[in-house]
Amino acid sequence: MGNRGKRYDTEFKADAARLVKESGRSVASVAKDLGVNPPNLEKLAAR
């Protein structure tokens, strides 16, 4: 099977989602700064 990509710990996920919700910045902007894929960050922020 192929590579499953990067794994992020729970704290990183929570901080990334909080940054999107509280900063007023777009998901794409935050994702670019963090070096993550925007659709993945969008899923985290929706939780």
C-alpha atoms as a PDB file:
ATOM      1  CA  MET A   1       0.000   0.000   0.000  1.00  0.00           C
ATOM      2  CA  GLY A   2       0.995   3.635  -0.417  1.00  0.00           C
ATOM      3  CA  ASN A   3       2.136   6.235   2.024  1.00  0.00           C
ATOM      4  CA  ARG A   4      -0.670   7.428   4.294  1.00  0.00           C
ATOM      5  CA  GLY A   5       0.780  10.933   4.671  1.00  0.00           C
ATOM      6  CA  LYS A   6       1.745  12.901   7.730  1.00  0.00           C
ATOM      7  CA  ARG A   7       0.289  12.154  11.135  1.00  0.00           C
ATOM      8  CA  TYR A   8      -0.418  15.033  13.481  1.00  0.00           C
ATOM      9  CA  ASP A   9      -0.905  14.736  17.204  1.00  0.00           C
ATOM     10  CA  THR A  10      -4.149  15.698  18.916  1.00  0.00           C
ATOM     11  CA  GLU A  11      -2.730  18.933  20.297  1.00  0.00           C
ATOM     12  CA  PHE A  12      -1.615  20.131  16.846  1.00  0.00           C
ATOM     13  CA  LYS A  13      -5.044  19.351  15.394  1.00  0.00           C
ATOM     14  CA  ALA A  14      -6.845  21.211  18.171  1.00  0.00           C
ATOM     15  CA  ASP A  15      -4.549  24.232  17.889  1.00  0.00           C
ATOM     16  CA  ALA A  16      -4.908  24.349  14.097  1.00  0.00           C
ATOM     17  CA  ALA A  17      -8.713  24.184  14.301  1.00  0.00           C
ATOM     18  CA  ARG A  18      -8.765  26.868  16.999  1.00  0.00           C
ATOM     19  CA  LEU A  19      -6.561  29.108  14.876  1.00  0.00           C
ATOM     20  CA  VAL A  20      -9.021  28.922  11.979  1.00  0.00           C
ATOM     21  CA  LYS A  21     -12.046  29.565  14.186  1.00  0.00           C
ATOM     22  CA  GLU A  22     -10.627  32.378  16.311  1.00  0.00           C
ATOM     23  CA  SER A  23      -8.289  34.224  13.948  1.00  0.00           C
ATOM     24  CA  GLY A  24     -10.841  35.161  11.325  1.00  0.00           C
ATOM     25  CA  ARG A  25      -8.409  33.990   8.626  1.00  0.00           C
ATOM     26  CA  SER A  26      -9.342  31.658   5.813  1.00  0.00           C
ATOM     27  CA  VAL A  27      -8.690  27.940   6.021  1.00  0.00           C
ATOM     28  CA  ALA A  28      -6.383  28.220   3.007  1.00  0.00           C
ATOM     29  CA  SER A  29      -4.306  30.951   4.657  1.00  0.00           C
ATOM     30  CA  VAL A  30      -3.871  29.062   7.923  1.00  0.00           C
ATOM     31  CA  ALA A  31      -3.176  25.800   6.086  1.00  0.00           C
ATOM     32  CA  LYS A  32      -0.443  27.440   4.029  1.00  0.00           C
ATOM     33  CA  ASP A  33       1.226  28.844   7.156  1.00  0.00           C
ATOM     34  CA  LEU A  34       1.082  25.462   8.901  1.00  0.00           C
ATOM     35  CA  GLY A  35       2.121  23.459   5.840  1.00  0.00           C
ATOM     36  CA  VAL A  36      -0.984  21.291   5.776  1.00  0.00           C
ATOM     37  CA  ASN A  37      -3.496  20.459   3.080  1.00  0.00           C
ATOM     38  CA  PRO A  38      -6.479  22.897   3.165  1.00  0.00           C
ATOM     39  CA  PRO A  39      -9.167  20.179   2.873  1.00  0.00           C
ATOM     40  CA  ASN A  40      -7.649  18.355   5.845  1.00  0.00           C
ATOM     41  CA  LEU A  41      -7.627  21.530   7.927  1.00  0.00           C
ATOM     42  CA  GLU A  42     -11.205  22.282   6.886  1.00  0.00           C
ATOM     43  CA  LYS A  43     -12.281  18.879   8.244  1.00  0.00           C
ATOM     44  CA  LEU A  44     -10.512  19.587  11.543  1.00  0.00           C
ATOM     45  CA  ALA A  45     -12.093  23.026  11.879  1.00  0.00           C
ATOM     46  CA  ALA A  46     -15.563  21.574  11.296  1.00  0.00           C
ATOM     47  CA  ARG A  47     -15.273  19.248  14.303  1.00  0.00           C
END
